[in-house]
C-alpha atoms as a PDB file:
ATOM      1  CA  UNK A   1     -24.447 -31.942 -21.996  1.00  0.00           C
ATOM      2  CA  UNK A   2     -25.425 -28.532 -20.621  1.00  0.00           C
ATOM      3  CA  UNK A   3     -24.595 -28.177 -16.932  1.00  0.00           C
ATOM      4  CA  UNK A   4     -27.392 -26.359 -15.139  1.00  0.00           C
ATOM      5  CA  UNK A   5     -27.343 -24.414 -11.891  1.00  0.00           C
ATOM      6  CA  UNK A   6     -29.716 -26.984 -10.393  1.00  0.00           C
ATOM      7  CA  UNK A   7     -27.254 -29.792 -11.159  1.00  0.00           C
ATOM      8  CA  UNK A   8     -24.410 -27.864  -9.559  1.00  0.00           C
ATOM      9  CA  UNK A   9     -26.557 -27.196  -6.489  1.00  0.00           C
ATOM     10  CA  UNK A  10     -27.470 -30.881  -6.184  1.00  0.00           C
ATOM     11  CA  UNK A  11     -23.853 -32.002  -6.419  1.00  0.00           C
ATOM     12  CA  UNK A  12     -22.770 -29.406  -3.869  1.00  0.00           C
ATOM     13  CA  UNK A  13     -25.402 -30.663  -1.430  1.00  0.00           C
ATOM     14  CA  UNK A  14     -24.370 -34.290  -1.959  1.00  0.00           C
ATOM     15  CA  UNK A  15     -20.614 -33.763  -1.777  1.00  0.00           C
ATOM     16  CA  UNK A  16     -20.160 -30.530   0.141  1.00  0.00           C
ATOM     17  CA  UNK A  17     -17.719 -29.370  -2.540  1.00  0.00           C
ATOM     18  CA  UNK A  18     -17.428 -25.750  -3.636  1.00  0.00           C
ATOM     19  CA  UNK A  19     -19.453 -24.342  -6.523  1.00  0.00           C
ATOM     20  CA  UNK A  20     -16.596 -24.159  -9.033  1.00  0.00           C
ATOM     21  CA  UNK A  21     -15.348 -27.642  -8.115  1.00  0.00           C
ATOM     22  CA  UNK A  22     -18.855 -29.062  -8.480  1.00  0.00           C
ATOM     23  CA  UNK A  23     -19.307 -27.413 -11.856  1.00  0.00           C
ATOM     24  CA  UNK A  24     -15.942 -28.704 -13.084  1.00  0.00           C
ATOM     25  CA  UNK A  25     -16.736 -32.225 -11.872  1.00  0.00           C
ATOM     26  CA  UNK A  26     -20.022 -32.248 -13.783  1.00  0.00           C
ATOM     27  CA  UNK A  27     -18.347 -30.872 -16.896  1.00  0.00           C
ATOM     28  CA  UNK A  28     -15.613 -33.511 -16.741  1.00  0.00           C
ATOM     29  CA  UNK A  29     -18.187 -36.314 -16.356  1.00  0.00           C
ATOM     30  CA  UNK A  30     -20.744 -35.006 -18.863  1.00  0.00           C
ATOM     31  CA  UNK A  31     -23.328 -34.374 -16.151  1.00  0.00           C
ATOM     32  CA  UNK A  32     -23.226 -37.838 -14.579  1.00  0.00           C
ATOM     33  CA  UNK A  33     -23.950 -37.154 -10.912  1.00  0.00           C
ATOM     34  CA  UNK A  34     -22.433 -40.349  -9.467  1.00  0.00           C
ATOM     35  CA  UNK A  35     -19.383 -40.089 -11.702  1.00  0.00           C
ATOM     36  CA  UNK A  36     -18.999 -36.468 -10.661  1.00  0.00           C
ATOM     37  CA  UNK A  37     -18.955 -37.494  -6.994  1.00  0.00           C
ATOM     38  CA  UNK A  38     -16.289 -40.098  -7.777  1.00  0.00           C
ATOM     39  CA  UNK A  39     -14.315 -37.452  -9.687  1.00  0.00           C
ATOM     40  CA  UNK A  40     -14.418 -35.161  -6.661  1.00  0.00           C
ATOM     41  CA  UNK A  41     -13.281 -38.001  -4.431  1.00  0.00           C
ATOM     42  CA  UNK A  42     -10.297 -38.799  -6.666  1.00  0.00           C
ATOM     43  CA  UNK A  43      -9.245 -35.159  -6.461  1.00  0.00           C
ATOM     44  CA  UNK A  44      -9.575 -35.171  -2.685  1.00  0.00           C
ATOM     45  CA  UNK A  45     -12.342 -32.572  -2.870  1.00  0.00           C
ATOM     46  CA  UNK A  46     -15.186 -34.660  -1.496  1.00  0.00           C
ATOM     47  CA  UNK A  47     -12.931 -35.881   1.309  1.00  0.00           C
ATOM     48  CA  UNK A  48     -12.156 -32.299   2.228  1.00  0.00           C
ATOM     49  CA  UNK A  49     -15.832 -31.380   2.093  1.00  0.00           C
ATOM     50  CA  UNK A  50     -16.741 -34.095   4.606  1.00  0.00           C
ATOM     51  CA  UNK A  51     -14.335 -32.512   7.067  1.00  0.00           C
ATOM     52  CA  UNK A  52     -15.806 -29.037   6.618  1.00  0.00           C
ATOM     53  CA  UNK A  53     -18.329 -29.469   9.427  1.00  0.00           C
ATOM     54  CA  UNK A  54     -15.630 -29.921  12.049  1.00  0.00           C
ATOM     55  CA  UNK A  55     -14.601 -26.928  14.121  1.00  0.00           C
ATOM     56  CA  UNK A  56     -11.259 -25.423  13.105  1.00  0.00           C
ATOM     57  CA  UNK A  57     -10.307 -23.083  15.945  1.00  0.00           C
ATOM     58  CA  UNK A  58      -6.553 -23.675  16.187  1.00  0.00           C
ATOM     59  CA  UNK A  59      -3.954 -22.713  13.602  1.00  0.00           C
ATOM     60  CA  UNK A  60      -1.668 -19.755  12.990  1.00  0.00           C
ATOM     61  CA  UNK A  61      -1.600 -16.044  12.298  1.00  0.00           C
ATOM     62  CA  UNK A  62       1.149 -14.940   9.904  1.00  0.00           C
ATOM     63  CA  UNK A  63       2.351 -11.366   9.418  1.00  0.00           C
ATOM     64  CA  UNK A  64       4.354  -9.919   6.530  1.00  0.00           C
ATOM     65  CA  UNK A  65       5.577  -6.347   5.996  1.00  0.00           C
ATOM     66  CA  UNK A  66       6.842  -4.942   2.705  1.00  0.00           C
ATOM     67  CA  UNK A  67       7.207  -1.443   1.275  1.00  0.00           C
ATOM     68  CA  UNK A  68       5.076   0.339   3.862  1.00  0.00           C
ATOM     69  CA  UNK A  69       2.305  -2.273   3.874  1.00  0.00           C
ATOM     70  CA  UNK A  70       1.671  -4.977   6.434  1.00  0.00           C
ATOM     71  CA  UNK A  71      -0.758  -7.897   6.254  1.00  0.00           C
ATOM     72  CA  UNK A  72      -1.904 -10.410   8.822  1.00  0.00           C
ATOM     73  CA  UNK A  73      -3.596 -13.671   7.809  1.00  0.00           C
ATOM     74  CA  UNK A  74      -5.322 -16.255  10.011  1.00  0.00           C
ATOM     75  CA  UNK A  75      -5.481 -19.858   8.807  1.00  0.00           C
ATOM     76  CA  UNK A  76      -7.255 -22.309  11.100  1.00  0.00           C
ATOM     77  CA  UNK A  77      -6.872 -26.020  11.737  1.00  0.00           C
ATOM     78  CA  UNK A  78      -8.641 -28.386  14.105  1.00  0.00           C
ATOM     79  CA  UNK A  79      -5.636 -29.082  16.321  1.00  0.00           C
ATOM     80  CA  UNK A  80      -2.582 -27.255  17.570  1.00  0.00           C
ATOM     81  CA  UNK A  81      -0.545 -30.280  16.439  1.00  0.00           C
ATOM     82  CA  UNK A  82      -1.195 -29.386  12.787  1.00  0.00           C
ATOM     83  CA  UNK A  83      -0.164 -25.777  13.452  1.00  0.00           C
ATOM     84  CA  UNK A  84       3.304 -27.155  14.255  1.00  0.00           C
ATOM     85  CA  UNK A  85       3.418 -29.070  10.964  1.00  0.00           C
ATOM     86  CA  UNK A  86       6.045 -27.713   8.546  1.00  0.00           C
ATOM     87  CA  UNK A  87       3.815 -28.166   5.492  1.00  0.00           C
ATOM     88  CA  UNK A  88       0.987 -26.274   7.175  1.00  0.00           C
ATOM     89  CA  UNK A  89       3.352 -23.451   8.131  1.00  0.00           C
ATOM     90  CA  UNK A  90       4.693 -23.267   4.572  1.00  0.00           C
ATOM     91  CA  UNK A  91       1.136 -22.968   3.241  1.00  0.00           C
ATOM     92  CA  UNK A  92       0.281 -20.218   5.730  1.00  0.00           C
ATOM     93  CA  UNK A  93       3.429 -18.376   4.645  1.00  0.00           C
ATOM     94  CA  UNK A  94       2.323 -18.534   1.003  1.00  0.00           C
ATOM     95  CA  UNK A  95      -1.067 -17.114   1.942  1.00  0.00           C
ATOM     96  CA  UNK A  96       0.556 -14.242   3.836  1.00  0.00           C
ATOM     97  CA  UNK A  97       2.895 -13.375   0.945  1.00  0.00           C
ATOM     98  CA  UNK A  98       0.010 -13.439  -1.535  1.00  0.00           C
ATOM     99  CA  UNK A  99      -2.111 -11.281   0.773  1.00  0.00           C
ATOM    100  CA  UNK A 100       0.222  -8.324   0.151  1.00  0.00           C
ATOM    101  CA  UNK A 101      -1.295  -8.041  -3.318  1.00  0.00           C
ATOM    102  CA  UNK A 102      -5.006  -8.537  -2.622  1.00  0.00           C
ATOM    103  CA  UNK A 103      -7.744  -6.636  -0.801  1.00  0.00           C
ATOM    104  CA  UNK A 104      -9.624  -9.298   1.149  1.00  0.00           C
ATOM    105  CA  UNK A 105      -9.999 -13.002   1.956  1.00  0.00           C
ATOM    106  CA  UNK A 106     -12.198 -13.735  -1.060  1.00  0.00           C
ATOM    107  CA  UNK A 107      -9.559 -12.293  -3.363  1.00  0.00           C
ATOM    108  CA  UNK A 108      -6.899 -14.285  -1.497  1.00  0.00           C
ATOM    109  CA  UNK A 109      -8.855 -17.510  -2.073  1.00  0.00           C
ATOM    110  CA  UNK A 110      -8.807 -16.745  -5.800  1.00  0.00           C
ATOM    111  CA  UNK A 111      -5.165 -15.611  -5.878  1.00  0.00           C
ATOM    112  CA  UNK A 112      -2.449 -17.602  -7.640  1.00  0.00           C
ATOM    113  CA  UNK A 113      -0.272 -19.556  -5.199  1.00  0.00           C
ATOM    114  CA  UNK A 114       2.215 -21.189  -7.531  1.00  0.00           C
ATOM    115  CA  UNK A 115      -0.211 -22.401 -10.190  1.00  0.00           C
ATOM    116  CA  UNK A 116      -3.129 -23.129  -7.871  1.00  0.00           C
ATOM    117  CA  UNK A 117      -5.672 -20.822  -6.329  1.00  0.00           C
ATOM    118  CA  UNK A 118      -5.676 -20.233  -2.597  1.00  0.00           C
ATOM    119  CA  UNK A 119      -8.881 -22.237  -2.308  1.00  0.00           C
ATOM    120  CA  UNK A 120      -7.426 -25.192  -4.213  1.00  0.00           C
ATOM    121  CA  UNK A 121      -4.283 -25.068  -2.087  1.00  0.00           C
ATOM    122  CA  UNK A 122      -6.339 -25.212   1.092  1.00  0.00           C
ATOM    123  CA  UNK A 123      -8.590 -28.009  -0.187  1.00  0.00           C
ATOM    124  CA  UNK A 124      -5.608 -30.162  -1.109  1.00  0.00           C
ATOM    125  CA  UNK A 125      -4.038 -29.558   2.300  1.00  0.00           C
ATOM    126  CA  UNK A 126      -7.261 -30.680   3.998  1.00  0.00           C
ATOM    127  CA  UNK A 127      -7.254 -33.903   1.986  1.00  0.00           C
ATOM    128  CA  UNK A 128      -3.544 -34.524   2.633  1.00  0.00           C
ATOM    129  CA  UNK A 129      -3.312 -33.613   6.318  1.00  0.00           C
ATOM    130  CA  UNK A 130      -6.745 -34.952   7.217  1.00  0.00           C
ATOM    131  CA  UNK A 131      -8.114 -32.036   9.227  1.00  0.00           C
ATOM    132  CA  UNK A 132     -10.606 -29.326   8.443  1.00  0.00           C
ATOM    133  CA  UNK A 133      -8.937 -25.976   7.791  1.00  0.00           C
ATOM    134  CA  UNK A 134     -10.125 -22.514   6.901  1.00  0.00           C
ATOM    135  CA  UNK A 135      -8.632 -19.361   5.497  1.00  0.00           C
ATOM    136  CA  UNK A 136     -10.557 -17.245   7.961  1.00  0.00           C
ATOM    137  CA  UNK A 137      -9.386 -13.637   8.033  1.00  0.00           C
ATOM    138  CA  UNK A 138      -6.898 -11.134   6.748  1.00  0.00           C
ATOM    139  CA  UNK A 139      -6.296  -7.494   7.603  1.00  0.00           C
ATOM    140  CA  UNK A 140      -3.793  -4.888   6.503  1.00  0.00           C
ATOM    141  CA  UNK A 141      -2.341  -1.491   7.358  1.00  0.00           C
ATOM    142  CA  UNK A 142      -0.235   0.980   5.416  1.00  0.00           C
ATOM    143  CA  UNK A 143       1.950   3.779   6.646  1.00  0.00           C
ATOM    144  CA  UNK A 144       5.280   5.564   6.628  1.00  0.00           C
ATOM    145  CA  UNK A 145       6.545   2.873   9.007  1.00  0.00           C
ATOM    146  CA  UNK A 146       4.858  -0.484   9.575  1.00  0.00           C
ATOM    147  CA  UNK A 147       6.093  -2.736  12.368  1.00  0.00           C
ATOM    148  CA  UNK A 148       5.039  -6.315  13.111  1.00  0.00           C
ATOM    149  CA  UNK A 149       5.094  -8.470  16.211  1.00  0.00           C
ATOM    150  CA  UNK A 150       4.129 -12.104  16.751  1.00  0.00           C
ATOM    151  CA  UNK A 151       3.419 -13.380  20.241  1.00  0.00           C
ATOM    152  CA  UNK A 152       4.680 -16.890  21.018  1.00  0.00           C
ATOM    153  CA  UNK A 153       6.048 -17.363  17.505  1.00  0.00           C
ATOM    154  CA  UNK A 154       6.350 -21.003  16.422  1.00  0.00           C
ATOM    155  CA  UNK A 155       8.434 -19.937  13.426  1.00  0.00           C
ATOM    156  CA  UNK A 156       9.485 -16.444  12.224  1.00  0.00           C
ATOM    157  CA  UNK A 157       6.428 -14.334  11.433  1.00  0.00           C
ATOM    158  CA  UNK A 158       3.852 -16.876  12.664  1.00  0.00           C
ATOM    159  CA  UNK A 159       2.202 -17.546  15.987  1.00  0.00           C
ATOM    160  CA  UNK A 160      -1.007 -17.331  17.990  1.00  0.00           C
ATOM    161  CA  UNK A 161      -1.266 -13.520  17.985  1.00  0.00           C
ATOM    162  CA  UNK A 162      -0.081 -11.275  15.168  1.00  0.00           C
ATOM    163  CA  UNK A 163       0.077  -7.489  15.420  1.00  0.00           C
ATOM    164  CA  UNK A 164       0.815  -4.723  12.909  1.00  0.00           C
ATOM    165  CA  UNK A 165       1.342  -1.062  13.785  1.00  0.00           C
ATOM    166  CA  UNK A 166       1.442   1.804  11.271  1.00  0.00           C
ATOM    167  CA  UNK A 167       3.123   5.078  12.262  1.00  0.00           C
ATOM    168  CA  UNK A 168       4.528   8.313  11.006  1.00  0.00           C
ATOM    169  CA  UNK A 169       7.707   9.412  12.769  1.00  0.00           C
ATOM    170  CA  UNK A 170       9.262   7.497  15.629  1.00  0.00           C
ATOM    171  CA  UNK A 171      11.373   4.391  15.045  1.00  0.00           C
ATOM    172  CA  UNK A 172      10.920   0.635  14.764  1.00  0.00           C
ATOM    173  CA  UNK A 173      11.955   0.046  18.378  1.00  0.00           C
ATOM    174  CA  UNK A 174       9.080   2.183  19.643  1.00  0.00           C
ATOM    175  CA  UNK A 175       6.717   0.610  17.110  1.00  0.00           C
ATOM    176  CA  UNK A 176       7.661  -2.851  18.414  1.00  0.00           C
ATOM    177  CA  UNK A 177       6.857  -1.748  21.977  1.00  0.00           C
ATOM    178  CA  UNK A 178       3.443  -0.514  20.855  1.00  0.00           C
ATOM    179  CA  UNK A 179       2.820  -3.774  18.975  1.00  0.00           C
ATOM    180  CA  UNK A 180       3.666  -5.780  22.101  1.00  0.00           C
ATOM    181  CA  UNK A 181       1.326  -3.540  24.108  1.00  0.00           C
ATOM    182  CA  UNK A 182      -1.485  -4.219  21.627  1.00  0.00           C
ATOM    183  CA  UNK A 183      -0.867  -7.966  21.809  1.00  0.00           C
ATOM    184  CA  UNK A 184      -1.268  -7.788  25.588  1.00  0.00           C
ATOM    185  CA  UNK A 185      -4.219  -5.398  25.920  1.00  0.00           C
ATOM    186  CA  UNK A 186      -6.271  -5.996  22.750  1.00  0.00           C
ATOM    187  CA  UNK A 187      -7.677  -2.459  22.338  1.00  0.00           C
ATOM    188  CA  UNK A 188     -10.986  -2.107  20.532  1.00  0.00           C
ATOM    189  CA  UNK A 189      -9.884   0.887  18.462  1.00  0.00           C
ATOM    190  CA  UNK A 190      -7.122   3.418  17.944  1.00  0.00           C
ATOM    191  CA  UNK A 191      -9.008   6.328  19.503  1.00  0.00           C
ATOM    192  CA  UNK A 192     -12.476   7.483  20.498  1.00  0.00           C
ATOM    193  CA  UNK A 193     -13.073   8.781  16.977  1.00  0.00           C
ATOM    194  CA  UNK A 194     -12.995   5.330  15.368  1.00  0.00           C
ATOM    195  CA  UNK A 195     -14.622   3.311  18.140  1.00  0.00           C
ATOM    196  CA  UNK A 196     -17.828   1.635  16.962  1.00  0.00           C
ATOM    197  CA  UNK A 197     -20.747   3.904  18.050  1.00  0.00           C
ATOM    198  CA  UNK A 198     -22.804   0.800  18.861  1.00  0.00           C
ATOM    199  CA  UNK A 199     -20.149  -0.295  21.374  1.00  0.00           C
ATOM    200  CA  UNK A 200     -20.169   3.144  22.974  1.00  0.00           C
ATOM    201  CA  UNK A 201     -23.954   3.279  23.169  1.00  0.00           C
ATOM    202  CA  UNK A 202     -24.184  -0.206  24.649  1.00  0.00           C
ATOM    203  CA  UNK A 203     -21.657   0.608  27.360  1.00  0.00           C
ATOM    204  CA  UNK A 204     -23.404   3.884  28.148  1.00  0.00           C
ATOM    205  CA  UNK A 205     -26.744   2.077  28.500  1.00  0.00           C
ATOM    206  CA  UNK A 206     -25.214  -0.497  30.844  1.00  0.00           C
ATOM    207  CA  UNK A 207     -23.602   2.185  32.972  1.00  0.00           C
ATOM    208  CA  UNK A 208     -26.864   4.172  33.108  1.00  0.00           C
ATOM    209  CA  UNK A 209     -28.741   1.099  34.331  1.00  0.00           C
ATOM    210  CA  UNK A 210     -26.097   0.429  36.979  1.00  0.00           C
ATOM    211  CA  UNK A 211     -26.147   4.041  38.137  1.00  0.00           C
ATOM    212  CA  UNK A 212     -29.942   4.139  38.362  1.00  0.00           C
ATOM    213  CA  UNK A 213     -29.829   1.164  40.722  1.00  0.00           C
ATOM    214  CA  UNK A 214     -28.201   3.528  43.227  1.00  0.00           C
ATOM    215  CA  UNK A 215     -31.390   5.600  43.378  1.00  0.00           C
ATOM    216  CA  UNK A 216     -29.524   8.862  42.834  1.00  0.00           C
ATOM    217  CA  UNK A 217     -31.167  11.797  40.963  1.00  0.00           C
ATOM    218  CA  UNK A 218     -30.828  11.898  37.166  1.00  0.00           C
ATOM    219  CA  UNK A 219     -28.640  15.018  37.329  1.00  0.00           C
ATOM    220  CA  UNK A 220     -26.147  13.178  39.535  1.00  0.00           C
ATOM    221  CA  UNK A 221     -26.324  10.081  37.360  1.00  0.00           C
ATOM    222  CA  UNK A 222     -25.447  12.110  34.264  1.00  0.00           C
ATOM    223  CA  UNK A 223     -22.263  13.321  35.957  1.00  0.00           C
ATOM    224  CA  UNK A 224     -21.446   9.780  37.067  1.00  0.00           C
ATOM    225  CA  UNK A 225     -21.795   8.528  33.499  1.00  0.00           C
ATOM    226  CA  UNK A 226     -19.336  11.118  32.160  1.00  0.00           C
ATOM    227  CA  UNK A 227     -16.670   9.804  34.517  1.00  0.00           C
ATOM    228  CA  UNK A 228     -17.439   6.165  33.849  1.00  0.00           C
ATOM    229  CA  UNK A 229     -17.367   6.598  30.079  1.00  0.00           C
ATOM    230  CA  UNK A 230     -14.033   8.403  30.330  1.00  0.00           C
ATOM    231  CA  UNK A 231     -12.689   5.404  32.247  1.00  0.00           C
ATOM    232  CA  UNK A 232     -14.161   3.062  29.626  1.00  0.00           C
ATOM    233  CA  UNK A 233     -12.419   4.957  26.824  1.00  0.00           C
ATOM    234  CA  UNK A 234      -9.140   4.726  28.723  1.00  0.00           C
ATOM    235  CA  UNK A 235      -9.537   0.969  28.836  1.00  0.00           C
ATOM    236  CA  UNK A 236     -10.537   0.209  25.237  1.00  0.00           C
ATOM    237  CA  UNK A 237      -8.888   2.845  23.010  1.00  0.00           C
ATOM    238  CA  UNK A 238      -5.197   2.401  22.276  1.00  0.00           C
ATOM    239  CA  UNK A 239      -3.996   6.000  22.593  1.00  0.00           C
ATOM    240  CA  UNK A 240      -5.765   6.396  25.960  1.00  0.00           C
ATOM    241  CA  UNK A 241      -4.536   3.143  27.519  1.00  0.00           C
ATOM    242  CA  UNK A 242      -1.744   3.117  30.084  1.00  0.00           C
ATOM    243  CA  UNK A 243       1.405   2.088  28.218  1.00  0.00           C
ATOM    244  CA  UNK A 244       2.559  -1.318  29.492  1.00  0.00           C
ATOM    245  CA  UNK A 245       6.192  -0.285  29.020  1.00  0.00           C
ATOM    246  CA  UNK A 246       5.660   2.813  31.199  1.00  0.00           C
ATOM    247  CA  UNK A 247       2.285   2.904  33.027  1.00  0.00           C
ATOM    248  CA  UNK A 248       2.901   6.536  33.991  1.00  0.00           C
ATOM    249  CA  UNK A 249       2.154   7.463  30.368  1.00  0.00           C
ATOM    250  CA  UNK A 250      -0.714   6.769  28.031  1.00  0.00           C
ATOM    251  CA  UNK A 251       0.218   5.208  24.703  1.00  0.00           C
ATOM    252  CA  UNK A 252      -0.679   8.497  23.019  1.00  0.00           C
ATOM    253  CA  UNK A 253       1.624  10.472  25.306  1.00  0.00           C
ATOM    254  CA  UNK A 254       4.415   7.936  24.883  1.00  0.00           C
ATOM    255  CA  UNK A 255       4.053   8.235  21.098  1.00  0.00           C
ATOM    256  CA  UNK A 256       4.233  12.016  21.367  1.00  0.00           C
ATOM    257  CA  UNK A 257       7.459  11.795  23.378  1.00  0.00           C
ATOM    258  CA  UNK A 258       8.875   9.350  20.821  1.00  0.00           C
ATOM    259  CA  UNK A 259       8.052  11.755  17.990  1.00  0.00           C
ATOM    260  CA  UNK A 260       5.559   9.305  16.515  1.00  0.00           C
ATOM    261  CA  UNK A 261       1.928   9.334  15.464  1.00  0.00           C
ATOM    262  CA  UNK A 262       0.186   5.966  15.450  1.00  0.00           C
ATOM    263  CA  UNK A 263      -2.053   5.881  12.383  1.00  0.00           C
ATOM    264  CA  UNK A 264      -3.443   2.350  12.544  1.00  0.00           C
ATOM    265  CA  UNK A 265      -3.080  -1.142  13.891  1.00  0.00           C
ATOM    266  CA  UNK A 266      -4.212  -4.725  13.362  1.00  0.00           C
ATOM    267  CA  UNK A 267      -4.409  -7.509  15.933  1.00  0.00           C
ATOM    268  CA  UNK A 268      -5.450 -11.033  14.974  1.00  0.00           C
ATOM    269  CA  UNK A 269      -5.587 -13.865  17.477  1.00  0.00           C
ATOM    270  CA  UNK A 270      -6.070 -17.484  16.443  1.00  0.00           C
ATOM    271  CA  UNK A 271      -9.607 -18.737  17.066  1.00  0.00           C
ATOM    272  CA  UNK A 272     -10.899 -15.397  18.307  1.00  0.00           C
ATOM    273  CA  UNK A 273     -14.706 -15.482  18.327  1.00  0.00           C
ATOM    274  CA  UNK A 274     -15.011 -19.134  17.299  1.00  0.00           C
ATOM    275  CA  UNK A 275     -17.283 -21.281  19.456  1.00  0.00           C
ATOM    276  CA  UNK A 276     -15.229 -24.308  20.360  1.00  0.00           C
ATOM    277  CA  UNK A 277     -16.940 -27.606  21.055  1.00  0.00           C
ATOM    278  CA  UNK A 278     -16.165 -28.712  24.594  1.00  0.00           C
ATOM    279  CA  UNK A 279     -15.630 -32.409  25.297  1.00  0.00           C
ATOM    280  CA  UNK A 280     -15.219 -34.017  28.696  1.00  0.00           C
ATOM    281  CA  UNK A 281     -11.988 -35.848  29.450  1.00  0.00           C
ATOM    282  CA  UNK A 282     -13.519 -39.316  29.087  1.00  0.00           C
ATOM    283  CA  UNK A 283     -14.872 -38.402  25.659  1.00  0.00           C
ATOM    284  CA  UNK A 284     -11.460 -37.097  24.585  1.00  0.00           C
ATOM    285  CA  UNK A 285      -9.751 -40.330  25.641  1.00  0.00           C
ATOM    286  CA  UNK A 286     -12.382 -42.440  23.883  1.00  0.00           C
ATOM    287  CA  UNK A 287     -11.994 -40.356  20.738  1.00  0.00           C
ATOM    288  CA  UNK A 288      -8.210 -40.664  20.808  1.00  0.00           C
ATOM    289  CA  UNK A 289      -8.503 -44.449  21.262  1.00  0.00           C
ATOM    290  CA  UNK A 290     -10.827 -44.668  18.293  1.00  0.00           C
ATOM    291  CA  UNK A 291     -13.815 -45.799  20.362  1.00  0.00           C
END
């Protein structure tokens, strides 16, 4: 029986399974919708799909460095308890290793992880562990020297915050200090040149509005804005921030003294930007008790 796009769409809506899984289920069952749903359930795919609506904001970031390239991968789970699970950590490690050879998350989902795709690996883990999970983000840097740092590591190379720093010159010890600085300060960009223009314009507009509240002439306000934007840049751009290791120097000046040029960085923090559902204490207790 020919499997149509409409049939695949219907099965996806009924089961929540992915497109390729839905198509395979229909092919295996000769287009029988109910049988296809049962097929998905036996493979653990429908079970995983049911969990996909639950917020996964915990998990781990893993970092790997090899041959001048560093990658950071974020894999989310619903609870911190699962992030401490050895099987979950092993899976995250496989994702990070595979990420060295792909360009983005979509390619990582399709990558071979020991005979299964990344997406299949994740789906099976959801069915086995019983929590929703997501392969959320990956980022990479390349350079003459690439240094990694993981804050609050739960196992080597994995934790809540993962940082990569790419440099020319300098040494790994200095690179590690910069990576720790980035973990602490979370700069928006390396320098003014690569800061998002929309971010700059928004901040300038806010500062203009604040300054106008003072009632000062426009000519005075313009001068005020120059100073305020300089301060803003010093707060959000890495090379202009005060170096946490030595606040008397900016990171850029410290790099210069170390004979290094920082060429890029990555910072991923677990759950960053995810809206977490808040529950009151009574609701949490009731949920834990199975009420």
